[in-house]
Amino acid sequence: MTQPARAVHPPAPTDYVKTYYAHSANPAPERAALIGDASCDVCVLGAGFSGISTALHLAEKGLKVIVLEAAKVGWGASGRNGGQIINGYSRDYDTILGRYGETTAKALLGMSFEGGDIIRERVVKYNINCDFKVGAFFAAFTEGQMKFLERRMQVWKQAGNTDLEMIGKDRVREISDTGLYIGGLLDKRGGHIHPLNLVLGQAAALEKLGGRIYEQSRVTRVERGARPVAYTSNGKVTANTIVVCGNAYIGDAVPELAPRFMSVSSQIVTTEVLGEAVTSQLMPRGYCLEDCNFLLDYYRITGDHRLLFGGGVVYSGAEPADIQRRLVPHIERTFPALKGRKIDFAWSCNFALTLTRMPHIGRLSDNVYFIHGDSGHGVTTCHLLGRLTAEAINQQASRYDVFASMKNYPFPGGRMFRVPLTALGAWYYGMREKLGI
């Protein structure tokens, strides 16, 4: 006889990685593991931004939703990233236009600000305390990068984003008190948040709408059929539809996806509390910032007046032995006045990189969907793709199919060679930047 699903708390739950975000997270319940059998309209694998976004959109439409999470809500990249609301994708409009054609490029451009809008809407609607701040700045080192940003502004304005301003060298210190940049582009439809608190707030909203989240419930396999089944070590969920949202942390639950992305780690540190007087001098407007280099740095001020600074990509996805050694020289180059300041937290954040650097969504069967491969733009893009996937499940697939129709390719060289080949390409672009080519 089939046993009904029941909630139990595992004896040794996997806790959050020691990050600034975990240290400053809002209170959240210990959610139970799945034991036994359950059924629902839609089962979502992964409780990060894409999974919770999808689930919440579906629950708002009245569907019965279960989320299965291998660790804890926001345990992966969604709870560890730089917290920057950056519009657009990891490829610029002209690249997308040349690769996919005008119809697809315009459709993608039209949706490129929607992820950030969803975040702002949910922060207000569900009263989520996540240190939301307005403003994102793209910083340029060279005239070539300034021309690139001027083109971006032109394209984005044509798509309806009028909250943009080019900043010259005479004003760049209003944004970052460093002599590194010659100017940049300010996007006031961008901004920054405490990402773990954002996803925790959305998870709480989902549960208030009747959705269920099981933590410590890694999915080991997905059985397809008229009603697909997601299996964990201690139970299973049978659903009308399954959505796979594990991204870089999906493991081998869906083997077909593994060749289509590479797990890449970015490193982040936060300083000790610097105080408002210091942080308002470092970043007077309180915007977040990323530079325009291929191997970029990004940083912002946290809600409790620390500097959060990220960069240092590792293409194997491994965590470096000494994250501080990688990033502290970048901090001191940017803000020499911070030399000798204590680093309180240092961690890695893995994201899924595709060969095209564009997000990869689609269907493994008529009722098994997947979302992954945001390639470094997951904060906004995951929220957008969650909405589009919910639309497709509700028989409104036109916007979803714009993304799903884009060709995605496996990395050349398989698992053995894709890391060195990609690292070689990154080295090439890095050297071009150093040489000013």
Protein backbone atom coordinates (compact mmCIF):
# COMPACT_ATOMS: atom_id res chain seq x y z
CA MET A 1 0.00 0.00 0.00
CA THR A 2 1.30 3.47 -0.89
CA GLN A 3 2.24 5.49 2.18
CA PRO A 4 1.21 9.15 2.26
CA ALA A 5 3.93 11.78 2.44
CA ARG A 6 4.72 12.98 5.91
CA ALA A 7 7.08 15.66 7.12
CA VAL A 8 10.02 14.78 9.33
CA HIS A 9 13.03 16.80 10.33
CA PRO A 10 16.29 15.09 9.30
CA PRO A 11 18.70 14.34 12.13
CA ALA A 12 21.62 16.23 10.59
CA PRO A 13 20.42 18.94 8.16
CA THR A 14 22.83 20.46 5.70
CA ASP A 15 23.28 24.04 6.87
CA TYR A 16 24.11 27.13 4.86
CA VAL A 17 27.67 27.81 3.83
CA LYS A 18 29.29 30.38 6.12
CA THR A 19 28.58 33.60 4.20
CA TYR A 20 27.66 37.14 5.09
CA TYR A 21 24.17 36.38 3.84
CA ALA A 22 23.70 33.38 6.11
CA HIS A 23 25.06 35.45 9.00
CA SER A 24 22.51 38.21 8.37
CA ALA A 25 19.56 36.12 7.16
CA ASN A 26 16.04 36.77 8.35
CA PRO A 27 14.52 34.05 10.56
CA ALA A 28 13.17 31.10 8.58
CA PRO A 29 11.63 27.79 9.63
CA GLU A 30 13.49 24.48 9.50
CA ARG A 31 11.59 22.81 6.68
CA ALA A 32 11.07 19.08 6.75
CA ALA A 33 12.39 16.41 4.42
CA LEU A 34 10.06 14.40 2.20
CA ILE A 35 9.22 10.96 3.55
CA GLY A 36 6.78 8.78 1.60
CA ASP A 37 4.64 9.71 -1.39
CA ALA A 38 3.00 12.97 -2.41
CA SER A 39 1.18 14.32 -5.44
CA CYS A 40 0.54 17.79 -6.86
CA ASP A 41 -0.10 19.76 -10.02
CA VAL A 42 3.53 20.88 -10.41
CA CYS A 43 6.68 19.61 -8.70
CA VAL A 44 9.66 21.98 -8.84
CA LEU A 45 13.20 20.71 -8.27
CA GLY A 46 15.33 23.34 -6.54
CA ALA A 47 14.45 26.14 -4.11
CA GLY A 48 16.58 28.90 -5.57
CA PHE A 49 15.45 31.92 -7.58
CA SER A 50 14.27 30.03 -10.67
CA GLY A 51 12.51 27.31 -8.66
CA ILE A 52 10.82 29.59 -6.15
CA SER A 53 9.94 32.14 -8.85
CA THR A 54 8.27 29.42 -10.93
CA ALA A 55 6.48 27.93 -7.94
CA LEU A 56 5.21 31.27 -6.65
CA HIS A 57 3.87 32.31 -10.06
CA LEU A 58 2.02 28.98 -10.28
CA ALA A 59 0.67 29.18 -6.74
CA GLU A 60 -0.61 32.69 -7.46
CA LYS A 61 -2.63 31.08 -10.26
CA GLY A 62 -4.11 28.55 -7.84
CA LEU A 63 -2.05 25.47 -8.74
CA LYS A 64 -0.95 22.95 -6.12
CA VAL A 65 2.86 23.12 -6.01
CA ILE A 66 5.58 21.11 -4.22
CA VAL A 67 9.23 22.20 -4.19
CA LEU A 68 11.98 19.65 -3.49
CA GLU A 69 15.28 21.14 -2.31
CA ALA A 70 18.48 19.15 -1.81
CA ALA A 71 19.69 21.35 1.06
CA LYS A 72 17.92 24.53 2.20
CA VAL A 73 16.01 27.32 0.49
CA GLY A 74 18.57 29.52 -1.28
CA TRP A 75 21.48 27.24 -0.33
CA GLY A 76 23.11 27.49 -3.77
CA ALA A 77 23.89 30.49 -5.96
CA SER A 78 20.59 32.22 -5.18
CA GLY A 79 21.66 32.71 -1.58
CA ARG A 80 25.35 33.43 -2.24
CA ASN A 81 25.58 35.74 -5.27
CA GLY A 82 26.62 39.37 -5.45
CA GLY A 83 23.05 40.56 -4.92
CA GLN A 84 23.09 42.87 -7.96
CA ILE A 85 19.94 43.49 -10.01
CA ILE A 86 21.61 43.75 -13.42
CA ASN A 87 19.35 44.09 -16.45
CA GLY A 88 20.02 42.35 -19.73
CA TYR A 89 21.84 39.10 -20.43
CA SER A 90 25.43 37.92 -20.57
CA ARG A 91 25.50 38.78 -24.27
CA ASP A 92 24.74 42.24 -25.66
CA TYR A 93 21.93 43.01 -28.07
CA ASP A 94 24.12 43.17 -31.19
CA THR A 95 25.57 39.71 -30.50
CA ILE A 96 22.09 38.31 -29.94
CA LEU A 97 20.86 40.01 -33.13
CA GLY A 98 23.67 38.53 -35.21
CA ARG A 99 23.23 35.07 -33.73
CA TYR A 100 19.44 34.66 -33.58
CA GLY A 101 17.95 37.27 -35.92
CA GLU A 102 15.86 40.41 -35.47
CA THR A 103 12.60 38.81 -34.32
CA THR A 104 14.20 36.85 -31.49
CA ALA A 105 16.56 39.67 -30.53
CA LYS A 106 13.74 42.20 -30.20
CA ALA A 107 11.62 39.77 -28.20
CA LEU A 108 14.50 39.07 -25.81
CA LEU A 109 15.24 42.79 -25.48
CA GLY A 110 11.61 43.47 -24.66
CA MET A 111 11.79 41.04 -21.75
CA SER A 112 15.24 42.01 -20.51
CA PHE A 113 14.04 44.38 -17.76
CA GLU A 114 11.17 42.20 -16.55
CA GLY A 115 13.16 40.13 -14.07
CA GLY A 116 14.12 43.23 -12.10
CA ASP A 117 10.51 44.43 -12.23
CA ILE A 118 9.33 41.10 -10.77
CA ILE A 119 11.79 41.48 -7.89
CA ARG A 120 10.59 45.00 -7.09
CA GLU A 121 6.94 43.94 -7.32
CA ARG A 122 7.44 41.03 -4.95
CA VAL A 123 9.44 43.02 -2.43
CA VAL A 124 6.46 45.37 -2.15
CA LYS A 125 3.63 42.84 -2.50
CA TYR A 126 4.99 40.40 0.08
CA ASN A 127 6.75 42.98 2.27
CA ILE A 128 10.15 41.28 1.92
CA ASN A 129 12.93 42.80 4.02
CA CYS A 130 15.99 42.34 1.78
CA ASP A 131 17.88 45.68 1.86
CA PHE A 132 16.61 46.69 -1.58
CA LYS A 133 18.44 49.70 -3.06
CA VAL A 134 18.00 51.42 -6.43
CA GLY A 135 20.79 51.88 -8.97
CA ALA A 136 23.39 49.81 -10.86
CA PHE A 137 26.52 51.27 -12.45
CA PHE A 138 28.58 49.76 -15.28
CA ALA A 139 32.13 51.12 -14.96
CA ALA A 140 34.46 51.61 -17.93
CA PHE A 141 38.26 51.54 -17.96
CA THR A 142 38.72 52.44 -21.64
CA GLU A 143 37.18 54.52 -24.40
CA GLY A 144 36.21 51.30 -26.15
CA GLN A 145 34.20 50.24 -23.11
CA MET A 146 32.54 53.67 -22.97
CA LYS A 147 31.44 53.27 -26.61
CA PHE A 148 30.07 49.83 -25.76
CA LEU A 149 28.04 51.35 -22.91
CA GLU A 150 26.80 54.21 -25.11
CA ARG A 151 25.48 51.61 -27.54
CA ARG A 152 23.84 49.73 -24.66
CA MET A 153 22.11 52.90 -23.52
CA GLN A 154 20.84 53.58 -27.04
CA VAL A 155 19.43 50.05 -27.37
CA TRP A 156 17.91 49.95 -23.90
CA LYS A 157 16.25 53.35 -24.34
CA GLN A 158 14.65 52.11 -27.56
CA ALA A 159 13.29 49.18 -25.54
CA GLY A 160 11.67 51.49 -22.99
CA ASN A 161 14.29 51.85 -20.25
CA THR A 162 14.64 55.60 -19.90
CA ASP A 163 16.22 55.53 -16.42
CA LEU A 164 19.72 55.62 -17.90
CA GLU A 165 22.54 58.14 -17.77
CA MET A 166 26.09 58.20 -19.08
CA ILE A 167 28.52 59.41 -16.40
CA GLY A 168 31.82 61.02 -17.40
CA LYS A 169 35.14 61.01 -15.59
CA ASP A 170 34.32 64.29 -13.87
CA ARG A 171 31.40 62.64 -12.03
CA VAL A 172 32.41 59.02 -11.64
CA ARG A 173 33.62 59.57 -8.07
CA GLU A 174 30.03 60.39 -7.14
CA ILE A 175 29.44 56.67 -7.58
CA SER A 176 32.77 55.08 -6.59
CA ASP A 177 35.56 56.99 -4.88
CA THR A 178 38.32 55.44 -6.96
CA GLY A 179 40.51 56.68 -9.76
CA LEU A 180 40.19 53.48 -11.81
CA TYR A 181 37.35 54.40 -14.15
CA ILE A 182 36.94 56.93 -16.92
CA GLY A 183 33.15 56.85 -16.72
CA GLY A 184 30.25 54.48 -17.15
CA LEU A 185 26.52 53.90 -17.47
CA LEU A 186 24.03 54.33 -14.63
CA ASP A 187 20.86 52.22 -14.76
CA LYS A 188 18.29 53.23 -12.17
CA ARG A 189 16.10 50.25 -13.11
CA GLY A 190 18.91 48.16 -11.68
CA GLY A 191 19.80 47.92 -8.02
CA HIS A 192 20.84 45.49 -5.32
CA ILE A 193 19.37 43.29 -2.61
CA HIS A 194 20.26 40.74 0.07
CA PRO A 195 19.66 37.70 -2.16
CA LEU A 196 19.16 35.08 0.53
CA ASN A 197 16.54 37.21 2.28
CA LEU A 198 14.83 37.80 -1.08
CA VAL A 199 14.46 34.09 -1.82
CA LEU A 200 13.48 33.31 1.79
CA GLY A 201 10.77 35.97 1.58
CA GLN A 202 9.39 34.51 -1.63
CA ALA A 203 9.47 31.00 -0.16
CA ALA A 204 7.41 32.22 2.79
CA ALA A 205 4.94 33.81 0.36
CA LEU A 206 4.66 30.53 -1.53
CA GLU A 207 3.84 28.63 1.64
CA LYS A 208 1.16 31.15 2.61
CA LEU A 209 -0.48 30.39 -0.73
CA GLY A 210 -0.50 26.66 0.05
CA GLY A 211 2.72 25.60 -1.63
CA ARG A 212 4.89 23.03 0.13
CA ILE A 213 8.68 23.07 0.35
CA TYR A 214 10.67 20.02 1.45
CA GLU A 215 14.31 20.62 2.33
CA GLN A 216 17.06 17.95 2.60
CA SER A 217 15.24 16.19 -0.26
CA ARG A 218 17.68 15.74 -3.13
CA VAL A 219 16.05 14.33 -6.24
CA THR A 220 17.93 11.25 -7.45
CA ARG A 221 16.01 10.64 -10.66
CA VAL A 222 13.02 11.76 -12.69
CA GLU A 223 10.70 9.17 -14.22
CA ARG A 224 8.82 10.47 -17.24
CA GLY A 225 5.33 9.53 -18.32
CA ALA A 226 1.76 10.78 -18.35
CA ARG A 227 2.35 11.88 -14.74
CA PRO A 228 6.11 12.20 -14.17
CA VAL A 229 7.65 11.23 -10.83
CA ALA A 230 10.52 12.83 -8.91
CA TYR A 231 12.28 10.39 -6.57
CA THR A 232 14.25 11.24 -3.45
CA SER A 233 16.04 8.77 -1.18
CA ASN A 234 13.02 8.61 1.12
CA GLY A 235 10.02 9.38 -1.04
CA LYS A 236 8.59 10.46 -4.34
CA VAL A 237 6.32 13.15 -5.78
CA THR A 238 3.96 12.39 -8.66
CA ALA A 239 2.84 15.46 -10.59
CA ASN A 240 1.15 16.61 -13.77
CA THR A 241 4.30 18.62 -14.55
CA ILE A 242 7.87 18.73 -13.27
CA VAL A 243 10.19 21.74 -13.57
CA VAL A 244 13.94 21.15 -13.10
CA CYS A 245 15.63 24.22 -11.56
CA GLY A 246 18.85 22.92 -9.99
CA ASN A 247 21.15 24.96 -12.23
CA ALA A 248 24.84 24.40 -11.32
CA TYR A 249 23.80 22.22 -8.36
CA ILE A 250 21.47 19.80 -10.18
CA GLY A 251 23.93 16.88 -10.05
CA ASP A 252 23.00 13.79 -12.07
CA ALA A 253 19.23 13.81 -11.51
CA VAL A 254 18.71 14.76 -15.16
CA PRO A 255 21.78 13.48 -17.06
CA GLU A 256 20.82 15.14 -20.37
CA LEU A 257 21.53 18.59 -18.96
CA ALA A 258 25.07 17.92 -17.71
CA PRO A 259 26.88 18.45 -21.07
CA ARG A 260 24.97 21.69 -21.67
CA PHE A 261 26.53 23.77 -18.91
CA MET A 262 29.70 24.14 -16.92
CA SER A 263 29.79 24.96 -13.25
CA VAL A 264 31.80 28.15 -12.71
CA SER A 265 32.62 29.72 -9.37
CA SER A 266 32.82 33.39 -8.53
CA GLN A 267 34.41 34.48 -5.25
CA ILE A 268 32.99 37.01 -2.81
CA VAL A 269 34.25 38.63 0.37
CA THR A 270 32.79 41.12 2.82
CA THR A 271 34.78 43.39 5.04
CA GLU A 272 34.20 44.07 8.67
CA VAL A 273 31.55 46.69 9.42
CA LEU A 274 33.06 49.96 8.17
CA GLY A 275 30.41 52.35 9.38
CA GLU A 276 28.20 54.74 7.44
CA ALA A 277 30.77 57.56 7.38
CA VAL A 278 33.31 55.35 5.58
CA THR A 279 30.90 53.61 3.19
CA SER A 280 29.23 56.87 2.16
CA GLN A 281 32.68 58.13 1.20
CA LEU A 282 33.49 54.97 -0.78
CA MET A 283 30.17 54.83 -2.67
CA PRO A 284 28.30 58.10 -2.08
CA ARG A 285 25.14 57.21 -4.05
CA GLY A 286 24.79 53.68 -2.67
CA TYR A 287 24.56 52.05 -6.12
CA CYS A 288 26.07 48.67 -6.92
CA LEU A 289 28.86 48.49 -9.49
CA GLU A 290 30.36 46.05 -11.95
CA ASP A 291 33.17 46.84 -14.34
CA CYS A 292 33.21 46.07 -18.07
CA ASN A 293 36.16 43.67 -18.16
CA PHE A 294 35.66 40.10 -19.35
CA LEU A 295 36.87 38.86 -15.95
CA LEU A 296 35.06 41.54 -14.05
CA ASP A 297 34.96 42.82 -10.47
CA TYR A 298 31.68 43.80 -8.82
CA TYR A 299 30.93 45.40 -5.48
CA ARG A 300 28.43 47.28 -3.34
CA ILE A 301 27.71 48.40 0.21
CA THR A 302 25.61 46.08 2.40
CA GLY A 303 22.72 47.11 4.61
CA ASP A 304 24.97 47.15 7.67
CA HIS A 305 27.74 49.20 6.01
CA ARG A 306 30.29 46.64 4.85
CA LEU A 307 31.94 46.47 1.45
CA LEU A 308 30.87 43.32 -0.43
CA PHE A 309 33.32 42.61 -3.25
CA GLY A 310 33.29 39.81 -5.83
CA GLY A 311 35.20 38.45 -8.82
CA GLY A 312 37.92 35.87 -9.31
CA VAL A 313 36.16 33.40 -11.64
CA VAL A 314 37.29 29.74 -11.52
CA TYR A 315 36.15 27.70 -14.53
CA SER A 316 36.32 24.33 -12.81
CA GLY A 317 33.73 25.47 -10.28
CA ALA A 318 36.16 24.67 -7.47
CA GLU A 319 36.61 26.94 -4.48
CA PRO A 320 40.11 28.45 -4.30
CA ALA A 321 42.22 27.57 -1.28
CA ASP A 322 42.52 31.25 -0.34
CA ILE A 323 39.70 33.49 -1.55
CA GLN A 324 40.98 36.49 0.36
CA ARG A 325 44.36 36.27 -1.36
CA ARG A 326 42.59 36.51 -4.71
CA LEU A 327 40.28 39.41 -3.93
CA VAL A 328 41.95 41.61 -1.32
CA PRO A 329 44.48 43.02 -3.86
CA HIS A 330 41.52 44.03 -6.05
CA ILE A 331 39.86 45.77 -3.10
CA GLU A 332 43.05 47.63 -2.19
CA ARG A 333 43.62 48.63 -5.82
CA THR A 334 40.06 50.00 -5.95
CA PHE A 335 40.02 51.59 -2.49
CA PRO A 336 43.58 52.03 -1.12
CA ALA A 337 42.13 53.49 2.10
CA LEU A 338 40.81 50.01 2.98
CA LYS A 339 44.27 48.45 3.11
CA GLY A 340 44.55 46.35 6.26
CA ARG A 341 40.81 46.22 6.91
CA LYS A 342 39.57 42.89 8.21
CA ILE A 343 37.67 40.48 5.97
CA ASP A 344 34.84 38.87 7.96
CA PHE A 345 33.45 36.47 5.33
CA ALA A 346 34.80 34.81 2.18
CA TRP A 347 32.97 32.25 0.03
CA SER A 348 32.39 30.84 -3.46
CA CYS A 349 29.22 30.99 -5.51
CA ASN A 350 28.76 28.53 -8.39
CA PHE A 351 26.68 29.39 -11.43
CA ALA A 352 25.83 27.48 -14.62
CA LEU A 353 27.63 28.77 -17.70
CA THR A 354 26.39 27.77 -21.17
CA LEU A 355 28.50 27.70 -24.30
CA THR A 356 26.36 30.48 -25.83
CA ARG A 357 26.37 32.47 -22.54
CA MET A 358 22.57 32.67 -22.90
CA PRO A 359 20.07 31.03 -20.55
CA HIS A 360 18.90 27.57 -21.55
CA ILE A 361 15.29 26.55 -21.01
CA GLY A 362 13.16 23.92 -22.67
CA ARG A 363 11.21 20.70 -22.35
CA LEU A 364 12.66 17.23 -21.81
CA SER A 365 9.16 15.91 -22.57
CA ASP A 366 5.70 17.44 -22.87
CA ASN A 367 5.44 17.73 -19.08
CA VAL A 368 9.06 18.01 -17.88
CA TYR A 369 10.53 21.52 -18.17
CA PHE A 370 13.96 22.83 -17.21
CA ILE A 371 15.60 26.19 -16.46
CA HIS A 372 19.36 26.69 -16.21
CA GLY A 373 22.41 28.43 -17.60
CA ASP A 374 21.88 32.09 -16.75
CA SER A 375 25.66 32.51 -17.13
CA GLY A 376 26.16 35.08 -14.40
CA HIS A 377 22.88 37.01 -14.77
CA GLY A 378 20.73 34.78 -12.59
CA VAL A 379 19.32 37.32 -10.14
CA THR A 380 17.08 38.93 -12.74
CA THR A 381 16.91 36.23 -15.41
CA CYS A 382 15.79 33.46 -13.03
CA HIS A 383 12.81 35.55 -11.97
CA LEU A 384 11.87 36.19 -15.59
CA LEU A 385 12.25 32.55 -16.66
CA GLY A 386 10.19 31.41 -13.68
CA ARG A 387 7.34 33.61 -14.90
CA LEU A 388 7.69 32.38 -18.49
CA THR A 389 7.72 28.74 -17.42
CA ALA A 390 4.59 29.27 -15.33
CA GLU A 391 2.97 30.89 -18.38
CA ALA A 392 3.88 27.88 -20.55
CA ILE A 393 2.45 25.43 -18.01
CA ASN A 394 -0.74 27.50 -18.12
CA GLN A 395 -0.86 27.09 -21.91
CA GLN A 396 0.59 30.51 -22.75
CA ALA A 397 3.92 29.48 -24.24
CA SER A 398 4.67 32.18 -26.82
CA ARG A 399 7.19 34.09 -24.68
CA TYR A 400 8.66 30.89 -23.22
CA ASP A 401 9.26 29.54 -26.71
CA VAL A 402 11.38 32.56 -27.66
CA PHE A 403 14.01 31.29 -25.22
CA ALA A 404 13.32 27.59 -25.79
CA SER A 405 13.81 27.97 -29.55
CA MET A 406 17.38 29.27 -29.21
CA LYS A 407 19.92 26.60 -30.05
CA ASN A 408 22.10 25.42 -27.17
CA TYR A 409 25.21 23.33 -27.66
CA PRO A 410 27.23 20.97 -25.45
CA PHE A 411 30.69 22.14 -24.47
CA PRO A 412 33.40 20.79 -26.80
CA GLY A 413 35.78 18.29 -25.30
CA GLY A 414 33.33 16.73 -22.86
CA ARG A 415 33.91 16.86 -19.13
CA MET A 416 37.65 16.29 -19.48
CA PHE A 417 38.52 19.19 -21.78
CA ARG A 418 35.74 21.77 -21.45
CA VAL A 419 37.36 23.44 -18.43
CA PRO A 420 40.85 24.01 -19.94
CA LEU A 421 39.36 25.07 -23.28
CA THR A 422 37.06 27.62 -21.64
CA ALA A 423 39.84 28.85 -19.35
CA LEU A 424 42.06 29.33 -22.42
CA GLY A 425 39.37 31.46 -24.05
CA ALA A 426 39.04 33.54 -20.86
CA TRP A 427 42.82 34.02 -20.76
CA TYR A 428 42.74 35.24 -24.36
CA TYR A 429 40.07 37.88 -23.66
CA GLY A 430 41.80 38.87 -20.43
CA MET A 431 45.07 39.47 -22.28
CA ARG A 432 43.27 41.56 -24.92
CA GLU A 433 41.94 43.80 -22.15
CA LYS A 434 45.36 44.14 -20.52
CA LEU A 435 46.90 45.07 -23.86
CA GLY A 436 44.07 47.49 -24.66
CA ILE A 437 43.06 45.60 -27.82
